[in-house]
């Protein structure tokens, strides 16, 4: 049977990137940045705390405002989500590779 090694740590949420790489270094308040992006401060706060995912619409708004690509934020979100699934997928991890079932 082929064994696949999976990461055991949870990948950082992209909201933390927004907080640590955009807001804090430039001393921008979350409220001001939310207003600039035309989103609610509550929504942006939930994202920077890792409670809500970054969706394409917001990723694109951040791209326009900062120059960081929307694809980067969406890739970070996808990696974060997948790392959580791998961390918590107890039953799923027992599924053997399908290739082991194919006739050789």
C-alpha atoms as a PDB file:
ATOM      1  CA  UNK A   1       0.000   0.000   0.000  1.00  0.00           C
ATOM      2  CA  UNK A   2       1.247   3.470  -0.873  1.00  0.00           C
ATOM      3  CA  UNK A   3       1.485   5.774   2.101  1.00  0.00           C
ATOM      4  CA  UNK A   4       0.957   9.492   1.792  1.00  0.00           C
ATOM      5  CA  UNK A   5       2.602  11.791   4.310  1.00  0.00           C
ATOM      6  CA  UNK A   6       0.363  14.659   5.332  1.00  0.00           C
ATOM      7  CA  UNK A   7       1.158  17.841   7.190  1.00  0.00           C
ATOM      8  CA  UNK A   8       0.143  17.790  10.812  1.00  0.00           C
ATOM      9  CA  UNK A   9       0.118  21.531  11.507  1.00  0.00           C
ATOM     10  CA  UNK A  10      -2.644  23.941  10.593  1.00  0.00           C
ATOM     11  CA  UNK A  11      -1.580  26.493   7.980  1.00  0.00           C
ATOM     12  CA  UNK A  12      -1.961  30.139   9.005  1.00  0.00           C
ATOM     13  CA  UNK A  13      -5.285  31.758   8.138  1.00  0.00           C
ATOM     14  CA  UNK A  14      -4.963  34.507   5.489  1.00  0.00           C
ATOM     15  CA  UNK A  15      -6.717  36.941   7.824  1.00  0.00           C
ATOM     16  CA  UNK A  16      -3.637  36.830  10.030  1.00  0.00           C
ATOM     17  CA  UNK A  17      -1.585  37.873   6.994  1.00  0.00           C
ATOM     18  CA  UNK A  18      -3.874  40.887   6.566  1.00  0.00           C
ATOM     19  CA  UNK A  19      -3.443  41.791  10.216  1.00  0.00           C
ATOM     20  CA  UNK A  20       0.318  41.222  10.519  1.00  0.00           C
ATOM     21  CA  UNK A  21       1.519  42.298   7.065  1.00  0.00           C
ATOM     22  CA  UNK A  22      -0.896  45.065   6.123  1.00  0.00           C
ATOM     23  CA  UNK A  23      -2.654  46.611   9.099  1.00  0.00           C
ATOM     24  CA  UNK A  24      -0.065  46.477  11.891  1.00  0.00           C
ATOM     25  CA  UNK A  25       3.075  47.532   9.975  1.00  0.00           C
ATOM     26  CA  UNK A  26       1.267  50.474   8.376  1.00  0.00           C
ATOM     27  CA  UNK A  27      -0.581  51.355  11.573  1.00  0.00           C
ATOM     28  CA  UNK A  28      -3.950  51.161   9.802  1.00  0.00           C
ATOM     29  CA  UNK A  29      -6.969  50.540  11.983  1.00  0.00           C
ATOM     30  CA  UNK A  30      -9.190  47.649  11.085  1.00  0.00           C
ATOM     31  CA  UNK A  31     -12.170  50.015  10.924  1.00  0.00           C
ATOM     32  CA  UNK A  32     -10.439  52.389   8.487  1.00  0.00           C
ATOM     33  CA  UNK A  33      -9.298  49.524   6.262  1.00  0.00           C
ATOM     34  CA  UNK A  34     -12.791  48.036   6.278  1.00  0.00           C
ATOM     35  CA  UNK A  35     -14.243  51.401   5.277  1.00  0.00           C
ATOM     36  CA  UNK A  36     -11.644  51.717   2.507  1.00  0.00           C
ATOM     37  CA  UNK A  37     -12.538  48.237   1.205  1.00  0.00           C
ATOM     38  CA  UNK A  38     -16.261  49.003   1.567  1.00  0.00           C
ATOM     39  CA  UNK A  39     -16.894  46.041   3.873  1.00  0.00           C
ATOM     40  CA  UNK A  40     -18.191  45.996   7.423  1.00  0.00           C
ATOM     41  CA  UNK A  41     -15.619  46.253  10.218  1.00  0.00           C
ATOM     42  CA  UNK A  42     -17.285  43.261  11.895  1.00  0.00           C
ATOM     43  CA  UNK A  43     -16.762  41.123   8.788  1.00  0.00           C
ATOM     44  CA  UNK A  44     -13.110  42.140   8.441  1.00  0.00           C
ATOM     45  CA  UNK A  45     -12.558  41.568  12.162  1.00  0.00           C
ATOM     46  CA  UNK A  46     -13.931  38.036  11.890  1.00  0.00           C
ATOM     47  CA  UNK A  47     -11.555  37.375   9.010  1.00  0.00           C
ATOM     48  CA  UNK A  48      -8.474  38.758  10.772  1.00  0.00           C
ATOM     49  CA  UNK A  49      -9.335  36.585  13.794  1.00  0.00           C
ATOM     50  CA  UNK A  50      -9.575  33.499  11.572  1.00  0.00           C
ATOM     51  CA  UNK A  51     -13.287  33.040  12.196  1.00  0.00           C
ATOM     52  CA  UNK A  52     -14.430  33.584   8.596  1.00  0.00           C
ATOM     53  CA  UNK A  53     -12.766  32.697   5.301  1.00  0.00           C
ATOM     54  CA  UNK A  54     -11.535  35.167   2.724  1.00  0.00           C
ATOM     55  CA  UNK A  55     -13.742  34.854  -0.352  1.00  0.00           C
ATOM     56  CA  UNK A  56     -12.871  35.964  -3.911  1.00  0.00           C
ATOM     57  CA  UNK A  57     -14.726  39.285  -3.640  1.00  0.00           C
ATOM     58  CA  UNK A  58     -12.765  40.413  -0.592  1.00  0.00           C
ATOM     59  CA  UNK A  59      -9.514  38.972  -1.912  1.00  0.00           C
ATOM     60  CA  UNK A  60      -9.931  41.107  -5.027  1.00  0.00           C
ATOM     61  CA  UNK A  61     -10.709  44.225  -2.975  1.00  0.00           C
ATOM     62  CA  UNK A  62      -7.543  43.665  -0.925  1.00  0.00           C
ATOM     63  CA  UNK A  63      -5.572  43.158  -4.149  1.00  0.00           C
ATOM     64  CA  UNK A  64      -6.797  46.490  -5.502  1.00  0.00           C
ATOM     65  CA  UNK A  65      -5.963  48.244  -2.229  1.00  0.00           C
ATOM     66  CA  UNK A  66      -2.573  46.682  -1.512  1.00  0.00           C
ATOM     67  CA  UNK A  67      -1.117  45.036  -4.605  1.00  0.00           C
ATOM     68  CA  UNK A  68      -1.039  41.595  -2.948  1.00  0.00           C
ATOM     69  CA  UNK A  69      -2.676  39.229  -5.414  1.00  0.00           C
ATOM     70  CA  UNK A  70      -6.171  37.901  -4.818  1.00  0.00           C
ATOM     71  CA  UNK A  71      -4.851  34.491  -5.851  1.00  0.00           C
ATOM     72  CA  UNK A  72      -2.360  34.558  -2.985  1.00  0.00           C
ATOM     73  CA  UNK A  73      -5.127  35.146  -0.436  1.00  0.00           C
ATOM     74  CA  UNK A  74      -7.328  32.446  -1.972  1.00  0.00           C
ATOM     75  CA  UNK A  75      -4.434  29.987  -2.058  1.00  0.00           C
ATOM     76  CA  UNK A  76      -3.658  30.704   1.609  1.00  0.00           C
ATOM     77  CA  UNK A  77      -7.333  30.157   2.433  1.00  0.00           C
ATOM     78  CA  UNK A  78      -7.422  26.868   0.512  1.00  0.00           C
ATOM     79  CA  UNK A  79      -4.241  25.631   2.217  1.00  0.00           C
ATOM     80  CA  UNK A  80      -5.615  26.666   5.609  1.00  0.00           C
ATOM     81  CA  UNK A  81      -8.931  24.882   4.992  1.00  0.00           C
ATOM     82  CA  UNK A  82      -7.219  21.739   3.734  1.00  0.00           C
ATOM     83  CA  UNK A  83      -4.824  21.644   6.699  1.00  0.00           C
ATOM     84  CA  UNK A  84      -7.811  21.790   9.053  1.00  0.00           C
ATOM     85  CA  UNK A  85      -9.494  18.921   7.195  1.00  0.00           C
ATOM     86  CA  UNK A  86      -6.311  16.843   7.418  1.00  0.00           C
ATOM     87  CA  UNK A  87      -5.961  17.641  11.114  1.00  0.00           C
ATOM     88  CA  UNK A  88      -9.534  16.597  11.922  1.00  0.00           C
ATOM     89  CA  UNK A  89     -10.221  13.850   9.365  1.00  0.00           C
ATOM     90  CA  UNK A  90      -9.932  10.823  11.637  1.00  0.00           C
ATOM     91  CA  UNK A  91     -12.196   8.459   9.674  1.00  0.00           C
ATOM     92  CA  UNK A  92     -11.218   9.767   6.273  1.00  0.00           C
ATOM     93  CA  UNK A  93      -7.530   9.046   6.875  1.00  0.00           C
ATOM     94  CA  UNK A  94      -8.369   5.341   6.952  1.00  0.00           C
ATOM     95  CA  UNK A  95      -9.435   5.330   3.293  1.00  0.00           C
ATOM     96  CA  UNK A  96      -6.786   3.327   1.403  1.00  0.00           C
ATOM     97  CA  UNK A  97      -5.459   4.691  -1.887  1.00  0.00           C
ATOM     98  CA  UNK A  98      -7.754   3.725  -4.753  1.00  0.00           C
ATOM     99  CA  UNK A  99      -4.752   2.615  -6.828  1.00  0.00           C
ATOM    100  CA  UNK A 100      -4.337  -0.333  -4.435  1.00  0.00           C
ATOM    101  CA  UNK A 101      -7.732  -1.603  -5.648  1.00  0.00           C
ATOM    102  CA  UNK A 102      -6.933  -1.426  -9.359  1.00  0.00           C
ATOM    103  CA  UNK A 103      -5.865  -4.545 -11.173  1.00  0.00           C
ATOM    104  CA  UNK A 104      -2.219  -4.548 -12.036  1.00  0.00           C
END
